[in-house]
Amino acid sequence: MSRLFPEKLRVLLTPGELLAGGRSLACDPAAGPEPWQGPVAALRTLEWTKPCRVTLVLSNHFVRYAVLPWSDGLSTPAEEEAYLRHHFAKIHGERAKGWSLRASEAPRAAPRLASAIDTALAEALKAAFPKEGKAKLVSVQPELMEAANRWRQAIPAAGAWLVLAEPERACIALHAGQGWRSVQNAKGDWFTLLDRERYRLHSDEGDVPSLVLLSGTKAPANGEGWEFRELAA
C-alpha cells in the first residue's frame, strides 16, 4: 500500500446521514432541489486529519439501475456508452442524457447490471476532494454494485435475490443462471416489492429462486416460499 495514502476509508452517503468510518453526520435531504445535495454539503465539511484513500458508496436513493442484455456489437468505449444511454433513455426518457453511466463486467453472453447517477452529482463528488487535500477519492460505487461485489460468494449457483432495504425504499436484484435477471429500485416496503417482483418474473419466465440475501433490516422467519438469510453489515 502507498505510504502517501496508507488508509482506506469507506464513506456512505444517504439522504439523511453520512457515514465515514466511525463518524456519522446528519444531512438535510431538503438542502436543495436534489436529494444528494445535503449529503454532498456534509461531505465538504469533513476534516481529513491524515492522508487516506476514499471510496464513496452512494445510497440507492441516488442511483438508477437496469439489466442490460448482452450485445456482440460493442467493440469501442463510444459504442458501449451509446448502448448504455439508449437503454436508459428507453426507460427514463430525455433526462437520461444528463446521467453518468457504467455497467458491470459479466461473462460473455450474460446480462449485465448497469447504473446511472446525475452527472452533476458525479462532478460535485470529485470537487469535494481537491488535489492538494489529504483525502484522495479513488472510487465512487452505487450501493447495489458494492453489495454485489462484497457478497458475491454468498450467491449460490442456483441463484438468489439480493435485497437492500432502506427507510421507505428497497433495491431488489435477482441473480440466477448466467447472471442478473432483474433489478427494481423503488419506494415502498421491501417485502411487498420483493413479492411483487417474484410474481412478475414467475409469470414471465417460470420458477425463480427462493433464497433472499437481506441487508439493512432484520430477516423475518422463513415462510410463504421464501428462505431469508441476513447479511452482515
C-alpha atoms as a PDB file:
ATOM      1  CA  MET A   1       0.000   0.000   0.000  1.00  0.00           C
ATOM      2  CA  SER A   2       1.245   3.508  -0.780  1.00  0.00           C
ATOM      3  CA  ARG A   3       2.976   5.261   2.074  1.00  0.00           C
ATOM      4  CA  LEU A   4       1.489   8.547   0.921  1.00  0.00           C
ATOM      5  CA  PHE A   5      -2.063   7.280   1.363  1.00  0.00           C
ATOM      6  CA  PRO A   6      -1.879   4.404   3.856  1.00  0.00           C
ATOM      7  CA  GLU A   7      -5.504   4.268   4.973  1.00  0.00           C
ATOM      8  CA  LYS A   8      -8.612   3.166   3.094  1.00  0.00           C
ATOM      9  CA  LEU A   9     -11.899   4.713   4.138  1.00  0.00           C
ATOM     10  CA  ARG A  10     -15.428   3.811   3.060  1.00  0.00           C
ATOM     11  CA  VAL A  11     -17.875   6.712   3.132  1.00  0.00           C
ATOM     12  CA  LEU A  12     -21.601   6.041   2.687  1.00  0.00           C
ATOM     13  CA  LEU A  13     -23.866   8.860   1.502  1.00  0.00           C
ATOM     14  CA  THR A  14     -27.597   8.602   2.212  1.00  0.00           C
ATOM     15  CA  PRO A  15     -30.243  11.362   2.079  1.00  0.00           C
ATOM     16  CA  GLY A  16     -30.278  11.826   5.846  1.00  0.00           C
ATOM     17  CA  GLU A  17     -26.865  10.658   7.010  1.00  0.00           C
ATOM     18  CA  LEU A  18     -23.222  10.465   6.010  1.00  0.00           C
ATOM     19  CA  LEU A  19     -21.198   7.591   7.498  1.00  0.00           C
ATOM     20  CA  ALA A  20     -17.411   7.882   7.382  1.00  0.00           C
ATOM     21  CA  GLY A  21     -15.596   5.235   9.378  1.00  0.00           C
ATOM     22  CA  GLY A  22     -16.854   5.663  12.922  1.00  0.00           C
ATOM     23  CA  ARG A  23     -18.277   9.123  12.257  1.00  0.00           C
ATOM     24  CA  SER A  24     -21.883   9.959  11.467  1.00  0.00           C
ATOM     25  CA  LEU A  25     -23.060  13.318  10.178  1.00  0.00           C
ATOM     26  CA  ALA A  26     -26.706  14.259   9.871  1.00  0.00           C
ATOM     27  CA  CYS A  27     -27.692  15.548   6.432  1.00  0.00           C
ATOM     28  CA  ASP A  28     -30.597  17.674   5.275  1.00  0.00           C
ATOM     29  CA  PRO A  29     -32.304  15.895   2.339  1.00  0.00           C
ATOM     30  CA  ALA A  30     -34.152  19.142   1.632  1.00  0.00           C
ATOM     31  CA  ALA A  31     -30.982  21.252   1.382  1.00  0.00           C
ATOM     32  CA  GLY A  32     -31.507  21.720  -2.362  1.00  0.00           C
ATOM     33  CA  PRO A  33     -33.654  20.638  -5.274  1.00  0.00           C
ATOM     34  CA  GLU A  34     -31.768  17.314  -5.484  1.00  0.00           C
ATOM     35  CA  PRO A  35     -31.749  14.872  -2.510  1.00  0.00           C
ATOM     36  CA  TRP A  36     -27.989  14.329  -2.849  1.00  0.00           C
ATOM     37  CA  GLN A  37     -27.099  17.984  -2.256  1.00  0.00           C
ATOM     38  CA  GLY A  38     -27.405  17.703   1.541  1.00  0.00           C
ATOM     39  CA  PRO A  39     -25.022  14.720   1.809  1.00  0.00           C
ATOM     40  CA  VAL A  40     -22.526  16.386  -0.544  1.00  0.00           C
ATOM     41  CA  ALA A  41     -22.614  19.529   1.607  1.00  0.00           C
ATOM     42  CA  ALA A  42     -21.907  17.378   4.687  1.00  0.00           C
ATOM     43  CA  LEU A  43     -19.058  15.645   2.832  1.00  0.00           C
ATOM     44  CA  ARG A  44     -17.408  19.008   2.215  1.00  0.00           C
ATOM     45  CA  THR A  45     -17.382  19.755   5.969  1.00  0.00           C
ATOM     46  CA  LEU A  46     -15.313  16.686   6.834  1.00  0.00           C
ATOM     47  CA  GLU A  47     -11.841  17.479   8.148  1.00  0.00           C
ATOM     48  CA  TRP A  48      -9.286  14.944   6.952  1.00  0.00           C
ATOM     49  CA  THR A  49      -6.675  14.769   9.687  1.00  0.00           C
ATOM     50  CA  LYS A  50      -4.384  12.330   7.875  1.00  0.00           C
ATOM     51  CA  PRO A  51      -3.880  11.005   4.357  1.00  0.00           C
ATOM     52  CA  CYS A  52      -6.420   8.441   3.201  1.00  0.00           C
ATOM     53  CA  ARG A  53      -7.899   6.816   0.109  1.00  0.00           C
ATOM     54  CA  VAL A  54     -11.661   7.248  -0.007  1.00  0.00           C
ATOM     55  CA  THR A  55     -14.297   5.046  -1.597  1.00  0.00           C
ATOM     56  CA  LEU A  56     -17.684   6.755  -1.763  1.00  0.00           C
ATOM     57  CA  VAL A  57     -20.734   4.486  -1.679  1.00  0.00           C
ATOM     58  CA  LEU A  58     -23.969   6.071  -2.908  1.00  0.00           C
ATOM     59  CA  SER A  59     -27.315   5.161  -1.391  1.00  0.00           C
ATOM     60  CA  ASN A  60     -29.717   3.628  -3.874  1.00  0.00           C
ATOM     61  CA  HIS A  61     -31.812   6.788  -3.442  1.00  0.00           C
ATOM     62  CA  PHE A  62     -29.337   8.479  -5.789  1.00  0.00           C
ATOM     63  CA  VAL A  63     -28.968   5.712  -8.392  1.00  0.00           C
ATOM     64  CA  ARG A  64     -30.991   4.181 -11.232  1.00  0.00           C
ATOM     65  CA  TYR A  65     -30.333   0.609 -12.315  1.00  0.00           C
ATOM     66  CA  ALA A  66     -31.072  -1.588 -15.292  1.00  0.00           C
ATOM     67  CA  VAL A  67     -30.244  -5.090 -16.502  1.00  0.00           C
ATOM     68  CA  LEU A  68     -28.641  -4.923 -19.956  1.00  0.00           C
ATOM     69  CA  PRO A  69     -28.922  -7.762 -22.462  1.00  0.00           C
ATOM     70  CA  TRP A  70     -25.593  -8.892 -23.879  1.00  0.00           C
ATOM     71  CA  SER A  71     -24.595  -7.335 -27.204  1.00  0.00           C
ATOM     72  CA  ASP A  72     -21.903  -8.700 -29.544  1.00  0.00           C
ATOM     73  CA  GLY A  73     -21.810  -5.420 -31.453  1.00  0.00           C
ATOM     74  CA  LEU A  74     -19.893  -3.358 -28.877  1.00  0.00           C
ATOM     75  CA  SER A  75     -16.204  -3.000 -29.698  1.00  0.00           C
ATOM     76  CA  THR A  76     -15.308   0.533 -28.539  1.00  0.00           C
ATOM     77  CA  PRO A  77     -15.970   2.675 -25.433  1.00  0.00           C
ATOM     78  CA  ALA A  78     -18.083   5.013 -27.569  1.00  0.00           C
ATOM     79  CA  GLU A  79     -20.314   2.145 -28.685  1.00  0.00           C
ATOM     80  CA  GLU A  80     -20.616   0.960 -25.091  1.00  0.00           C
ATOM     81  CA  GLU A  81     -21.623   4.461 -23.976  1.00  0.00           C
ATOM     82  CA  ALA A  82     -24.204   4.774 -26.752  1.00  0.00           C
ATOM     83  CA  TYR A  83     -25.665   1.356 -25.919  1.00  0.00           C
ATOM     84  CA  LEU A  84     -25.993   2.213 -22.223  1.00  0.00           C
ATOM     85  CA  ARG A  85     -27.536   5.612 -22.921  1.00  0.00           C
ATOM     86  CA  HIS A  86     -30.012   4.186 -25.416  1.00  0.00           C
ATOM     87  CA  HIS A  87     -31.137   1.564 -22.909  1.00  0.00           C
ATOM     88  CA  PHE A  88     -31.652   4.055 -20.066  1.00  0.00           C
ATOM     89  CA  ALA A  89     -33.388   6.506 -22.416  1.00  0.00           C
ATOM     90  CA  LYS A  90     -35.926   3.821 -23.332  1.00  0.00           C
ATOM     91  CA  ILE A  91     -36.795   3.510 -19.632  1.00  0.00           C
ATOM     92  CA  HIS A  92     -36.426   7.085 -18.358  1.00  0.00           C
ATOM     93  CA  GLY A  93     -36.672   9.323 -21.402  1.00  0.00           C
ATOM     94  CA  GLU A  94     -34.735  12.510 -22.150  1.00  0.00           C
ATOM     95  CA  ARG A  95     -33.478  13.021 -18.597  1.00  0.00           C
ATOM     96  CA  ALA A  96     -31.072  10.110 -19.098  1.00  0.00           C
ATOM     97  CA  LYS A  97     -28.963  12.465 -21.239  1.00  0.00           C
ATOM     98  CA  GLY A  98     -27.763  14.142 -18.035  1.00  0.00           C
ATOM     99  CA  TRP A  99     -26.595  10.962 -16.318  1.00  0.00           C
ATOM    100  CA  SER A 100     -23.210   9.299 -15.884  1.00  0.00           C
ATOM    101  CA  LEU A 101     -23.437   5.599 -16.746  1.00  0.00           C
ATOM    102  CA  ARG A 102     -21.484   2.429 -16.103  1.00  0.00           C
ATOM    103  CA  ALA A 103     -22.004  -1.325 -16.453  1.00  0.00           C
ATOM    104  CA  SER A 104     -20.583  -4.271 -14.528  1.00  0.00           C
ATOM    105  CA  GLU A 105     -18.358  -6.930 -16.024  1.00  0.00           C
ATOM    106  CA  ALA A 106     -20.030 -10.209 -16.946  1.00  0.00           C
ATOM    107  CA  PRO A 107     -19.229 -13.492 -18.689  1.00  0.00           C
ATOM    108  CA  ARG A 108     -19.772 -13.448 -22.430  1.00  0.00           C
ATOM    109  CA  ALA A 109     -23.455 -13.556 -23.408  1.00  0.00           C
ATOM    110  CA  ALA A 110     -24.590 -12.905 -19.818  1.00  0.00           C
ATOM    111  CA  PRO A 111     -26.791  -9.911 -18.897  1.00  0.00           C
ATOM    112  CA  ARG A 112     -25.018  -7.084 -17.098  1.00  0.00           C
ATOM    113  CA  LEU A 113     -26.036  -4.781 -14.281  1.00  0.00           C
ATOM    114  CA  ALA A 114     -25.858  -1.086 -15.225  1.00  0.00           C
ATOM    115  CA  SER A 115     -26.158   2.045 -13.110  1.00  0.00           C
ATOM    116  CA  ALA A 116     -26.770   5.742 -13.681  1.00  0.00           C
ATOM    117  CA  ILE A 117     -26.270   8.814 -11.487  1.00  0.00           C
ATOM    118  CA  ASP A 118     -26.720  12.515 -12.164  1.00  0.00           C
ATOM    119  CA  THR A 119     -23.629  13.902 -13.863  1.00  0.00           C
ATOM    120  CA  ALA A 120     -23.911  16.932 -11.566  1.00  0.00           C
ATOM    121  CA  LEU A 121     -23.594  14.581  -8.581  1.00  0.00           C
ATOM    122  CA  ALA A 122     -20.504  12.905 -10.048  1.00  0.00           C
ATOM    123  CA  GLU A 123     -18.884  16.298 -10.601  1.00  0.00           C
ATOM    124  CA  ALA A 124     -19.797  17.533  -7.110  1.00  0.00           C
ATOM    125  CA  LEU A 125     -18.212  14.458  -5.531  1.00  0.00           C
ATOM    126  CA  LYS A 126     -14.963  14.979  -7.430  1.00  0.00           C
ATOM    127  CA  ALA A 127     -14.924  18.654  -6.451  1.00  0.00           C
ATOM    128  CA  ALA A 128     -15.170  17.691  -2.760  1.00  0.00           C
ATOM    129  CA  PHE A 129     -11.657  16.197  -2.998  1.00  0.00           C
ATOM    130  CA  PRO A 130      -9.201  18.879  -4.168  1.00  0.00           C
ATOM    131  CA  LYS A 131      -5.828  17.707  -5.469  1.00  0.00           C
ATOM    132  CA  GLU A 132      -3.966  19.352  -2.598  1.00  0.00           C
ATOM    133  CA  GLY A 133      -6.143  17.708   0.067  1.00  0.00           C
ATOM    134  CA  LYS A 134      -5.149  14.834   2.343  1.00  0.00           C
ATOM    135  CA  ALA A 135      -8.044  12.649   1.208  1.00  0.00           C
ATOM    136  CA  LYS A 136      -7.949  11.184  -2.297  1.00  0.00           C
ATOM    137  CA  LEU A 137     -11.109   9.930  -3.991  1.00  0.00           C
ATOM    138  CA  VAL A 138     -10.297   6.561  -5.553  1.00  0.00           C
ATOM    139  CA  SER A 139     -13.771   5.177  -6.303  1.00  0.00           C
ATOM    140  CA  VAL A 140     -17.474   6.042  -6.432  1.00  0.00           C
ATOM    141  CA  GLN A 141     -19.712   2.991  -6.173  1.00  0.00           C
ATOM    142  CA  PRO A 142     -23.501   2.649  -6.273  1.00  0.00           C
ATOM    143  CA  GLU A 143     -24.641   0.747  -3.200  1.00  0.00           C
ATOM    144  CA  LEU A 144     -26.025  -2.217  -5.135  1.00  0.00           C
ATOM    145  CA  MET A 145     -22.805  -2.609  -7.137  1.00  0.00           C
ATOM    146  CA  GLU A 146     -20.711  -2.583  -3.962  1.00  0.00           C
ATOM    147  CA  ALA A 147     -23.025  -5.053  -2.236  1.00  0.00           C
ATOM    148  CA  ALA A 148     -22.970  -7.422  -5.221  1.00  0.00           C
ATOM    149  CA  ASN A 149     -19.169  -7.438  -5.201  1.00  0.00           C
ATOM    150  CA  ARG A 150     -18.930  -7.779  -1.420  1.00  0.00           C
ATOM    151  CA  TRP A 151     -21.331 -10.712  -1.164  1.00  0.00           C
ATOM    152  CA  ARG A 152     -20.667 -12.383  -4.495  1.00  0.00           C
ATOM    153  CA  GLN A 153     -19.537 -15.588  -2.791  1.00  0.00           C
ATOM    154  CA  ALA A 154     -22.803 -15.785  -0.828  1.00  0.00           C
ATOM    155  CA  ILE A 155     -24.839 -16.186  -4.029  1.00  0.00           C
ATOM    156  CA  PRO A 156     -25.139 -19.919  -4.807  1.00  0.00           C
ATOM    157  CA  ALA A 157     -25.104 -21.394  -8.298  1.00  0.00           C
ATOM    158  CA  ALA A 158     -28.878 -21.816  -8.108  1.00  0.00           C
ATOM    159  CA  GLY A 159     -29.232 -18.050  -7.704  1.00  0.00           C
ATOM    160  CA  ALA A 160     -30.604 -15.680  -5.073  1.00  0.00           C
ATOM    161  CA  TRP A 161     -32.349 -12.384  -4.516  1.00  0.00           C
ATOM    162  CA  LEU A 162     -30.248  -9.524  -3.135  1.00  0.00           C
ATOM    163  CA  VAL A 163     -32.393  -7.101  -1.129  1.00  0.00           C
ATOM    164  CA  LEU A 164     -31.004  -3.802   0.187  1.00  0.00           C
ATOM    165  CA  ALA A 165     -33.603  -2.219   2.450  1.00  0.00           C
ATOM    166  CA  GLU A 166     -33.532   1.475   3.358  1.00  0.00           C
ATOM    167  CA  PRO A 167     -36.147   3.661   5.063  1.00  0.00           C
ATOM    168  CA  GLU A 168     -39.136   3.889   2.691  1.00  0.00           C
ATOM    169  CA  ARG A 169     -37.195   2.270  -0.170  1.00  0.00           C
ATOM    170  CA  ALA A 170     -35.680  -1.020  -1.287  1.00  0.00           C
ATOM    171  CA  CYS A 171     -33.408  -2.182  -4.079  1.00  0.00           C
ATOM    172  CA  ILE A 172     -34.124  -5.748  -5.193  1.00  0.00           C
ATOM    173  CA  ALA A 173     -31.955  -7.628  -7.677  1.00  0.00           C
ATOM    174  CA  LEU A 174     -32.142 -11.227  -8.850  1.00  0.00           C
ATOM    175  CA  HIS A 175     -29.018 -13.145  -9.860  1.00  0.00           C
ATOM    176  CA  ALA A 176     -29.725 -16.557 -11.364  1.00  0.00           C
ATOM    177  CA  GLY A 177     -28.410 -18.751 -14.152  1.00  0.00           C
ATOM    178  CA  GLN A 178     -25.820 -16.877 -16.218  1.00  0.00           C
ATOM    179  CA  GLY A 179     -26.170 -13.540 -14.455  1.00  0.00           C
ATOM    180  CA  TRP A 180     -28.524 -10.726 -13.459  1.00  0.00           C
ATOM    181  CA  ARG A 181     -32.169 -11.250 -14.397  1.00  0.00           C
ATOM    182  CA  SER A 182     -33.912  -8.252 -12.865  1.00  0.00           C
ATOM    183  CA  VAL A 183     -33.469  -5.168 -10.708  1.00  0.00           C
ATOM    184  CA  GLN A 184     -36.047  -2.921  -9.048  1.00  0.00           C
ATOM    185  CA  ASN A 185     -35.151   0.202  -7.060  1.00  0.00           C
ATOM    186  CA  ALA A 186     -38.313   1.787  -5.730  1.00  0.00           C
ATOM    187  CA  LYS A 187     -40.123   3.393  -2.823  1.00  0.00           C
ATOM    188  CA  GLY A 188     -42.161   1.116  -0.627  1.00  0.00           C
ATOM    189  CA  ASP A 189     -41.990  -1.792   1.792  1.00  0.00           C
ATOM    190  CA  TRP A 190     -39.190  -4.188   0.820  1.00  0.00           C
ATOM    191  CA  PHE A 191     -41.207  -7.382   1.289  1.00  0.00           C
ATOM    192  CA  THR A 192     -44.113  -6.089  -0.778  1.00  0.00           C
ATOM    193  CA  LEU A 193     -41.732  -5.087  -3.579  1.00  0.00           C
ATOM    194  CA  LEU A 194     -39.962  -8.458  -3.403  1.00  0.00           C
ATOM    195  CA  ASP A 195     -43.187 -10.457  -3.519  1.00  0.00           C
ATOM    196  CA  ARG A 196     -44.429  -8.391  -6.453  1.00  0.00           C
ATOM    197  CA  GLU A 197     -41.207  -8.916  -8.396  1.00  0.00           C
ATOM    198  CA  ARG A 198     -41.270 -12.669  -7.770  1.00  0.00           C
ATOM    199  CA  TYR A 199     -44.817 -12.850  -9.076  1.00  0.00           C
ATOM    200  CA  ARG A 200     -43.906 -10.845 -12.192  1.00  0.00           C
ATOM    201  CA  LEU A 201     -40.870 -12.978 -13.038  1.00  0.00           C
ATOM    202  CA  HIS A 202     -42.592 -16.254 -12.208  1.00  0.00           C
ATOM    203  CA  SER A 203     -45.395 -15.341 -14.588  1.00  0.00           C
ATOM    204  CA  ASP A 204     -42.982 -14.308 -17.375  1.00  0.00           C
ATOM    205  CA  GLU A 205     -40.093 -16.737 -17.033  1.00  0.00           C
ATOM    206  CA  GLY A 206     -41.080 -19.661 -14.803  1.00  0.00           C
ATOM    207  CA  ASP A 207     -39.579 -20.649 -11.451  1.00  0.00           C
ATOM    208  CA  VAL A 208     -37.270 -18.266  -9.601  1.00  0.00           C
ATOM    209  CA  PRO A 209     -35.001 -18.836  -6.556  1.00  0.00           C
ATOM    210  CA  SER A 210     -36.473 -18.730  -3.066  1.00  0.00           C
ATOM    211  CA  LEU A 211     -33.269 -17.620  -1.272  1.00  0.00           C
ATOM    212  CA  VAL A 212     -33.186 -13.956  -0.220  1.00  0.00           C
ATOM    213  CA  LEU A 213     -29.944 -12.304   0.925  1.00  0.00           C
ATOM    214  CA  LEU A 214     -31.086  -9.372   3.032  1.00  0.00           C
ATOM    215  CA  SER A 215     -29.251  -6.237   4.164  1.00  0.00           C
ATOM    216  CA  GLY A 216     -30.489  -3.183   6.035  1.00  0.00           C
ATOM    217  CA  THR A 217     -33.226  -4.863   8.059  1.00  0.00           C
ATOM    218  CA  LYS A 218     -33.847  -7.922  10.225  1.00  0.00           C
ATOM    219  CA  ALA A 219     -34.621 -11.139   8.402  1.00  0.00           C
ATOM    220  CA  PRO A 220     -38.147 -12.430   9.079  1.00  0.00           C
ATOM    221  CA  ALA A 221     -38.966 -16.088   9.648  1.00  0.00           C
ATOM    222  CA  ASN A 222     -38.907 -18.292   6.574  1.00  0.00           C
ATOM    223  CA  GLY A 223     -42.288 -18.859   5.011  1.00  0.00           C
ATOM    224  CA  GLU A 224     -44.531 -18.329   2.001  1.00  0.00           C
ATOM    225  CA  GLY A 225     -41.928 -19.992  -0.201  1.00  0.00           C
ATOM    226  CA  TRP A 226     -39.097 -17.733   0.963  1.00  0.00           C
ATOM    227  CA  GLU A 227     -35.798 -18.542   2.664  1.00  0.00           C
ATOM    228  CA  PHE A 228     -34.261 -15.445   4.254  1.00  0.00           C
ATOM    229  CA  ARG A 229     -30.590 -15.019   5.109  1.00  0.00           C
ATOM    230  CA  GLU A 230     -29.406 -11.826   6.800  1.00  0.00           C
ATOM    231  CA  LEU A 231     -26.101 -10.409   5.568  1.00  0.00           C
ATOM    232  CA  ALA A 232     -23.576  -8.893   7.948  1.00  0.00           C
ATOM    233  CA  ALA A 233     -23.215  -5.119   7.784  1.00  0.00           C
END
